[in-house]
Amino acid sequence: MDWSLSLQVFLYLQVLDVLTTWLGFRIRLSEASPFIRMLMGLGPMAAVLGSKVLALGLGAVCVWSGRLHVIRLINYWYAALVIWNLALILSR
């Protein structure tokens, strides 16, 4: 897979994660991530956006250090996470 495609997929999955998490909050689902729950004192969307800033920063470190294979692996995690969010939303 071309590295630029991996980065595009990474960014797309970050947006999908924000949107599906936001929708989950709107229908009163709870957050499973301990990290985001810790940040929830800032507000639900601030917590999610804070986690995205961290994810994008770590992605930038992977690009800067030439570890693009890590981005590909992370994409599988976020794809599964988005599918999980959608499954919870659709089960409501």
C-alpha atoms as a PDB file:
ATOM      1  CA  MET A   1       0.000   0.000   0.000  1.00  0.00           C
ATOM      2  CA  ASP A   2       1.266   3.453  -0.884  1.00  0.00           C
ATOM      3  CA  TRP A   3       2.234   5.455   2.233  1.00  0.00           C
ATOM      4  CA  SER A   4       0.179   8.476   1.142  1.00  0.00           C
ATOM      5  CA  LEU A   5      -2.896   6.249   0.929  1.00  0.00           C
ATOM      6  CA  SER A   6      -2.155   4.948   4.430  1.00  0.00           C
ATOM      7  CA  LEU A   7      -2.032   8.533   5.700  1.00  0.00           C
ATOM      8  CA  GLN A   8      -5.273   9.425   3.931  1.00  0.00           C
ATOM      9  CA  VAL A   9      -6.990   6.387   5.447  1.00  0.00           C
ATOM     10  CA  PHE A  10      -5.558   7.324   8.864  1.00  0.00           C
ATOM     11  CA  LEU A  11      -6.989  10.845   8.645  1.00  0.00           C
ATOM     12  CA  TYR A  12     -10.337   9.593   7.328  1.00  0.00           C
ATOM     13  CA  LEU A  13     -10.602   7.089  10.191  1.00  0.00           C
ATOM     14  CA  GLN A  14      -9.838   9.836  12.719  1.00  0.00           C
ATOM     15  CA  VAL A  15     -12.746  11.874  11.351  1.00  0.00           C
ATOM     16  CA  LEU A  16     -15.028   8.828  11.380  1.00  0.00           C
ATOM     17  CA  ASP A  17     -14.047   8.078  14.971  1.00  0.00           C
ATOM     18  CA  VAL A  18     -14.913  11.625  16.052  1.00  0.00           C
ATOM     19  CA  LEU A  19     -18.248  11.512  14.223  1.00  0.00           C
ATOM     20  CA  THR A  20     -19.297   8.078  15.486  1.00  0.00           C
ATOM     21  CA  THR A  21     -18.204   8.907  19.039  1.00  0.00           C
ATOM     22  CA  TRP A  22     -20.136  12.187  18.901  1.00  0.00           C
ATOM     23  CA  LEU A  23     -23.216  10.342  17.633  1.00  0.00           C
ATOM     24  CA  GLY A  24     -22.793   7.782  20.414  1.00  0.00           C
ATOM     25  CA  PHE A  25     -22.712  10.584  22.990  1.00  0.00           C
ATOM     26  CA  ARG A  26     -25.857  12.095  21.434  1.00  0.00           C
ATOM     27  CA  ILE A  27     -27.767   8.837  21.960  1.00  0.00           C
ATOM     28  CA  ARG A  28     -26.357   8.505  25.489  1.00  0.00           C
ATOM     29  CA  LEU A  29     -23.833   5.734  24.959  1.00  0.00           C
ATOM     30  CA  SER A  30     -20.907   5.740  27.375  1.00  0.00           C
ATOM     31  CA  GLU A  31     -17.235   6.017  26.503  1.00  0.00           C
ATOM     32  CA  ALA A  32     -15.216   2.814  26.889  1.00  0.00           C
ATOM     33  CA  SER A  33     -11.727   4.306  26.605  1.00  0.00           C
ATOM     34  CA  PRO A  34     -10.174   4.984  30.019  1.00  0.00           C
ATOM     35  CA  PHE A  35      -8.033   7.748  28.497  1.00  0.00           C
ATOM     36  CA  ILE A  36     -11.024   9.624  27.079  1.00  0.00           C
ATOM     37  CA  ARG A  37     -13.027   9.047  30.278  1.00  0.00           C
ATOM     38  CA  MET A  38     -10.159  10.668  32.172  1.00  0.00           C
ATOM     39  CA  LEU A  39     -10.430  13.722  29.893  1.00  0.00           C
ATOM     40  CA  MET A  40     -14.238  13.913  30.159  1.00  0.00           C
ATOM     41  CA  GLY A  41     -13.951  16.612  32.824  1.00  0.00           C
ATOM     42  CA  LEU A  42     -13.091  18.937  29.948  1.00  0.00           C
ATOM     43  CA  GLY A  43     -16.367  18.024  28.260  1.00  0.00           C
ATOM     44  CA  PRO A  44     -17.184  15.081  25.998  1.00  0.00           C
ATOM     45  CA  MET A  45     -16.164  16.597  22.680  1.00  0.00           C
ATOM     46  CA  ALA A  46     -13.106  18.306  24.156  1.00  0.00           C
ATOM     47  CA  ALA A  47     -11.999  14.895  25.434  1.00  0.00           C
ATOM     48  CA  VAL A  48     -12.492  13.248  22.045  1.00  0.00           C
ATOM     49  CA  LEU A  49     -10.798  16.095  20.194  1.00  0.00           C
ATOM     50  CA  GLY A  50      -7.932  15.998  22.693  1.00  0.00           C
ATOM     51  CA  SER A  51      -7.452  12.318  21.956  1.00  0.00           C
ATOM     52  CA  LYS A  52      -7.437  13.127  18.228  1.00  0.00           C
ATOM     53  CA  VAL A  53      -4.731  15.761  18.731  1.00  0.00           C
ATOM     54  CA  LEU A  54      -2.668  13.084  20.474  1.00  0.00           C
ATOM     55  CA  ALA A  55      -3.403  10.525  17.705  1.00  0.00           C
ATOM     56  CA  LEU A  56      -2.438  12.999  14.983  1.00  0.00           C
ATOM     57  CA  GLY A  57       0.726  13.902  16.888  1.00  0.00           C
ATOM     58  CA  LEU A  58       1.711  10.253  17.201  1.00  0.00           C
ATOM     59  CA  GLY A  59       0.933   9.770  13.506  1.00  0.00           C
ATOM     60  CA  ALA A  60       3.206  12.713  12.689  1.00  0.00           C
ATOM     61  CA  VAL A  61       5.982  11.143  14.785  1.00  0.00           C
ATOM     62  CA  CYS A  62       5.574   7.905  12.808  1.00  0.00           C
ATOM     63  CA  VAL A  63       5.877   9.812   9.520  1.00  0.00           C
ATOM     64  CA  TRP A  64       8.819  11.885  10.749  1.00  0.00           C
ATOM     65  CA  SER A  65      10.681   8.798  11.983  1.00  0.00           C
ATOM     66  CA  GLY A  66       9.952   6.795   8.827  1.00  0.00           C
ATOM     67  CA  ARG A  67       7.797   4.202  10.599  1.00  0.00           C
ATOM     68  CA  LEU A  68       4.949   4.304   8.124  1.00  0.00           C
ATOM     69  CA  HIS A  69       4.237   0.615   8.672  1.00  0.00           C
ATOM     70  CA  VAL A  70       2.964   1.598  12.133  1.00  0.00           C
ATOM     71  CA  ILE A  71       0.357   3.876  10.500  1.00  0.00           C
ATOM     72  CA  ARG A  72      -0.903   0.897   8.489  1.00  0.00           C
ATOM     73  CA  LEU A  73      -1.258  -1.175  11.677  1.00  0.00           C
ATOM     74  CA  ILE A  74      -2.985   1.664  13.513  1.00  0.00           C
ATOM     75  CA  ASN A  75      -5.477   1.931  10.647  1.00  0.00           C
ATOM     76  CA  TYR A  76      -6.710  -1.590  11.391  1.00  0.00           C
ATOM     77  CA  TRP A  77      -7.298  -0.595  15.030  1.00  0.00           C
ATOM     78  CA  TYR A  78      -9.242   2.541  14.117  1.00  0.00           C
ATOM     79  CA  ALA A  79     -11.249   0.701  11.448  1.00  0.00           C
ATOM     80  CA  ALA A  80     -12.292  -1.832  14.088  1.00  0.00           C
ATOM     81  CA  LEU A  81     -13.089   0.999  16.506  1.00  0.00           C
ATOM     82  CA  VAL A  82     -15.312   2.786  13.995  1.00  0.00           C
ATOM     83  CA  ILE A  83     -17.103  -0.494  13.191  1.00  0.00           C
ATOM     84  CA  TRP A  84     -17.591  -1.066  16.934  1.00  0.00           C
ATOM     85  CA  ASN A  85     -19.019   2.431  17.367  1.00  0.00           C
ATOM     86  CA  LEU A  86     -21.396   1.909  14.439  1.00  0.00           C
ATOM     87  CA  ALA A  87     -22.501  -1.479  15.794  1.00  0.00           C
ATOM     88  CA  LEU A  88     -23.316   0.103  19.176  1.00  0.00           C
ATOM     89  CA  ILE A  89     -25.169   2.979  17.521  1.00  0.00           C
ATOM     90  CA  LEU A  90     -27.199   0.643  15.314  1.00  0.00           C
ATOM     91  CA  SER A  91     -28.025  -1.650  18.239  1.00  0.00           C
ATOM     92  CA  ARG A  92     -29.827   1.201  20.059  1.00  0.00           C
END
